[in-house]
Amino acid sequence: MDDSRNETSIKFHGIQVKNVIITHLRRTSTSSTVEKLDISTTKYERNQFIETINVQVVAEYVTITYYKNEAANMIINRELIPSHSIEHIMVSDI
């Protein structure tokens, strides 16, 4: 990985975008809260461990995949948000 890079690439279905904001309902056993997940280039600009974040709507889930090296398919973490809990997805293009 190139350490001179200072910005993480954000993608929505593989297309590079500026940011993705997902508003969703998170339920626990005691309560429900509305959460706003902001995935933006400025939030991850100094993170040398995350090269790419790809957000995809796949079947019953919104999948957020954090890559250390996308070309080598080196995944750091993957989050799944059930589609039925999503209230809004906003994508800002570059």
Protein backbone atom coordinates (compact mmCIF):
# COMPACT_ATOMS: atom_id res chain seq x y z
CA MET A 1 0.00 0.00 0.00
CA ASP A 2 1.24 3.49 -0.80
CA ASP A 3 1.86 5.37 2.47
CA SER A 4 1.94 8.74 0.68
CA ARG A 5 -1.78 8.45 0.04
CA ASN A 6 -3.81 10.59 2.45
CA GLU A 7 -7.39 9.81 1.46
CA THR A 8 -9.51 6.71 1.64
CA SER A 9 -11.55 5.95 -1.46
CA ILE A 10 -15.33 5.78 -0.87
CA LYS A 11 -17.39 3.76 -3.35
CA PHE A 12 -21.10 3.10 -3.83
CA HIS A 13 -21.61 -0.12 -5.84
CA GLY A 14 -18.00 0.20 -7.05
CA ILE A 15 -18.32 3.80 -8.32
CA GLN A 16 -16.17 6.37 -6.50
CA VAL A 17 -18.23 8.99 -4.63
CA LYS A 18 -17.59 11.78 -2.15
CA ASN A 19 -19.63 10.33 0.71
CA VAL A 20 -22.51 8.06 1.69
CA ILE A 21 -24.87 8.87 4.55
CA ILE A 22 -27.14 6.10 5.81
CA THR A 23 -29.95 6.78 8.27
CA HIS A 24 -31.21 3.61 9.90
CA LEU A 25 -33.06 2.31 12.94
CA ARG A 26 -30.95 0.35 15.41
CA ARG A 27 -32.86 -1.86 17.80
CA THR A 28 -31.60 -3.34 21.03
CA SER A 29 -33.46 -5.48 23.51
CA THR A 30 -34.41 -2.37 25.52
CA SER A 31 -34.84 0.43 22.97
CA SER A 32 -34.76 1.66 19.39
CA THR A 33 -32.68 4.58 18.17
CA VAL A 34 -32.23 6.26 14.81
CA GLU A 35 -28.57 6.35 13.83
CA LYS A 36 -26.86 8.32 11.11
CA LEU A 37 -23.81 6.61 9.61
CA ASP A 38 -21.63 9.09 7.70
CA ILE A 39 -19.02 7.50 5.46
CA SER A 40 -16.99 10.35 4.01
CA THR A 41 -13.50 10.91 2.63
CA THR A 42 -12.72 13.56 5.26
CA LYS A 43 -13.61 11.19 8.09
CA TYR A 44 -11.07 8.60 6.91
CA GLU A 45 -8.44 10.85 5.32
CA ARG A 46 -5.72 10.05 7.88
CA ASN A 47 -6.48 6.33 8.20
CA GLN A 48 -3.58 4.49 6.56
CA PHE A 49 -5.18 1.07 7.23
CA ILE A 50 -8.32 1.57 5.13
CA GLU A 51 -7.71 1.96 1.39
CA THR A 52 -11.32 1.65 0.20
CA ILE A 53 -14.81 1.57 1.70
CA ASN A 54 -17.48 0.11 -0.59
CA VAL A 55 -21.19 0.44 0.21
CA GLN A 56 -23.64 -1.82 -1.64
CA VAL A 57 -27.34 -2.60 -1.40
CA VAL A 58 -27.48 -6.37 -1.80
CA ALA A 59 -30.75 -8.29 -1.38
CA GLU A 60 -31.87 -7.82 2.22
CA TYR A 61 -28.82 -5.92 3.48
CA VAL A 62 -26.77 -2.80 2.97
CA THR A 63 -23.21 -4.09 3.01
CA ILE A 64 -20.32 -1.84 4.05
CA THR A 65 -16.93 -3.39 3.30
CA TYR A 66 -13.65 -1.91 4.56
CA TYR A 67 -10.64 -2.92 2.45
CA LYS A 68 -6.96 -2.77 3.35
CA ASN A 69 -6.15 -3.57 -0.28
CA GLU A 70 -9.13 -3.79 -2.62
CA ALA A 71 -7.19 -5.23 -5.58
CA ALA A 72 -6.00 -8.14 -3.42
CA ASN A 73 -9.45 -8.46 -1.77
CA MET A 74 -7.91 -7.90 1.69
CA ILE A 75 -10.97 -7.12 3.83
CA ILE A 76 -10.55 -5.50 7.25
CA ASN A 77 -14.22 -5.57 8.27
CA ARG A 78 -17.70 -5.93 6.84
CA GLU A 79 -20.91 -4.49 8.30
CA LEU A 80 -24.41 -5.60 7.37
CA ILE A 81 -27.43 -3.38 7.99
CA PRO A 82 -30.81 -5.03 7.37
CA SER A 83 -32.66 -3.26 4.53
CA HIS A 84 -35.89 -3.08 6.53
CA SER A 85 -34.20 -0.80 9.09
CA ILE A 86 -32.90 1.69 6.48
CA GLU A 87 -34.77 4.98 6.40
CA HIS A 88 -32.62 6.93 3.94
CA ILE A 89 -29.42 6.59 1.88
CA MET A 90 -27.85 9.76 0.51
CA VAL A 91 -24.89 9.56 -1.89
CA SER A 92 -22.84 12.64 -2.82
CA ASP A 93 -21.03 12.31 -6.12
CA ILE A 94 -17.54 13.67 -6.68
